[in-house]
Protein backbone atom coordinates (compact mmCIF):
# COMPACT_ATOMS: atom_id res chain seq x y z
CA UNK A 1 86.84 7.10 62.85
CA UNK A 2 88.75 10.24 63.75
CA UNK A 3 87.35 13.69 63.03
CA UNK A 4 89.21 16.17 60.85
CA UNK A 5 89.99 18.20 63.96
CA UNK A 6 91.49 15.16 65.71
CA UNK A 7 93.52 14.30 62.61
CA UNK A 8 94.83 17.87 62.41
CA UNK A 9 95.84 17.77 66.08
CA UNK A 10 97.63 14.43 65.61
CA UNK A 11 99.39 15.76 62.50
CA UNK A 12 100.59 18.77 64.50
CA UNK A 13 101.93 16.46 67.24
CA UNK A 14 103.76 14.34 64.69
CA UNK A 15 105.26 17.35 62.94
CA UNK A 16 106.38 18.90 66.24
CA UNK A 17 108.06 15.67 67.36
CA UNK A 18 109.79 15.26 64.00
CA UNK A 19 111.05 18.86 64.17
CA UNK A 20 112.37 18.24 67.69
CA UNK A 21 114.19 15.10 66.56
CA UNK A 22 115.71 16.94 63.63
CA UNK A 23 116.67 19.85 65.86
CA UNK A 24 118.66 17.59 68.16
CA UNK A 25 120.38 15.75 65.29
CA UNK A 26 123.49 17.93 65.27
CA UNK A 27 124.05 17.44 68.99
CA UNK A 28 123.69 13.66 68.56
CA UNK A 29 126.18 13.66 65.67
CA UNK A 30 128.71 15.48 67.82
CA UNK A 31 128.20 13.05 70.69
CA UNK A 32 128.71 10.03 68.43
CA UNK A 33 131.94 11.32 66.90
CA UNK A 34 135.09 9.22 67.17
CA UNK A 35 136.68 9.37 70.59
CA UNK A 36 140.18 10.82 70.31
CA UNK A 37 143.01 9.68 72.55
CA UNK A 38 143.62 12.65 74.82
CA UNK A 39 147.01 12.45 76.54
CA UNK A 40 146.13 15.37 78.80
CA UNK A 41 143.43 13.39 80.57
CA UNK A 42 144.32 11.09 83.39
CA UNK A 43 144.33 7.35 82.79
CA UNK A 44 142.20 4.82 81.02
CA UNK A 45 139.04 5.67 82.93
CA UNK A 46 138.64 8.97 81.11
CA UNK A 47 138.83 7.20 77.76
CA UNK A 48 136.49 4.46 78.96
CA UNK A 49 134.02 7.11 80.11
CA UNK A 50 134.27 8.81 76.73
CA UNK A 51 133.72 5.50 74.91
CA UNK A 52 130.73 4.69 77.10
CA UNK A 53 129.27 8.14 76.41
CA UNK A 54 129.82 7.59 72.71
CA UNK A 55 128.07 4.19 72.81
CA UNK A 56 125.10 5.67 74.65
CA UNK A 57 124.90 8.51 72.12
CA UNK A 58 124.99 6.01 69.25
CA UNK A 59 122.11 4.05 70.79
CA UNK A 60 120.15 7.27 71.25
CA UNK A 61 120.82 8.20 67.62
CA UNK A 62 119.58 4.80 66.45
CA UNK A 63 116.36 5.13 68.49
CA UNK A 64 115.82 8.67 67.18
CA UNK A 65 116.24 7.41 63.61
CA UNK A 66 113.64 4.69 64.13
CA UNK A 67 111.23 7.17 65.69
CA UNK A 68 111.73 9.67 62.85
CA UNK A 69 111.03 6.99 60.23
CA UNK A 70 107.85 5.95 62.08
CA UNK A 71 106.70 9.58 62.21
CA UNK A 72 107.38 10.12 58.50
CA UNK A 73 105.41 6.93 57.73
CA UNK A 74 102.50 8.15 59.89
CA UNK A 75 102.51 11.51 58.10
CA UNK A 76 102.48 9.67 54.78
CA UNK A 77 99.47 7.61 55.93
CA UNK A 78 97.74 10.86 56.92
CA UNK A 79 98.33 12.23 53.41
CA UNK A 80 97.08 9.00 51.82
CA UNK A 81 93.98 8.83 53.99
CA UNK A 82 94.92 5.51 55.62
CA UNK A 83 96.04 6.93 58.97
CA UNK A 84 94.38 5.24 61.91
CA UNK A 85 94.01 1.89 60.15
CA UNK A 86 96.11 -0.98 61.48
CA UNK A 87 98.84 -1.98 59.03
CA UNK A 88 98.33 -5.64 59.93
CA UNK A 89 94.58 -6.27 60.13
CA UNK A 90 93.33 -2.97 58.60
CA UNK A 91 90.90 -2.46 61.51
CA UNK A 92 90.76 1.01 63.09
CA UNK A 93 93.38 1.73 65.74
CA UNK A 94 91.77 2.94 68.96
CA UNK A 95 91.78 6.76 69.18
CA UNK A 96 93.25 6.58 72.69
CA UNK A 97 96.18 4.55 71.35
CA UNK A 98 96.79 7.16 68.66
CA UNK A 99 96.56 9.95 71.23
CA UNK A 100 99.19 8.19 73.36
CA UNK A 101 101.50 7.63 70.39
CA UNK A 102 100.42 9.24 67.10
CA UNK A 103 103.04 7.28 65.14
CA UNK A 104 101.77 3.85 66.23
CA UNK A 105 101.14 1.73 63.10
CA UNK A 106 99.13 -1.19 64.53
CA UNK A 107 96.16 -1.83 66.78
CA UNK A 108 96.61 -3.20 70.27
CA UNK A 109 95.56 -6.72 69.27
CA UNK A 110 98.16 -6.95 66.49
CA UNK A 111 100.80 -5.43 68.79
CA UNK A 112 100.06 -8.11 71.40
CA UNK A 113 100.24 -10.87 68.79
CA UNK A 114 103.60 -9.54 67.61
CA UNK A 115 104.96 -9.52 71.18
CA UNK A 116 103.80 -13.09 71.79
CA UNK A 117 105.51 -14.48 68.71
């Protein structure tokens, strides 16, 4: 079981990461904007580079969205008093696992079972 001090520290980490994700959102939106055909650039390679950059930015945006949703869910579990309990087996998640990733929703055993299936 985590102490109140540990829970407060984990909450602060989650809130800081969520703020960082939200702070970078505008930059990601700009990077994922439609690629315009620019006649002043030379050749197809410039457009291909722009399209590749756009695709990478879209993938980054998708990952950031997933991470933000996991953080919001972890904060909700903190508010409800269920934070630190595995969502699958309801056993406590190891404190070291929560320290490594405060948004992790499952214990290591359930994570391993999910990877194997």
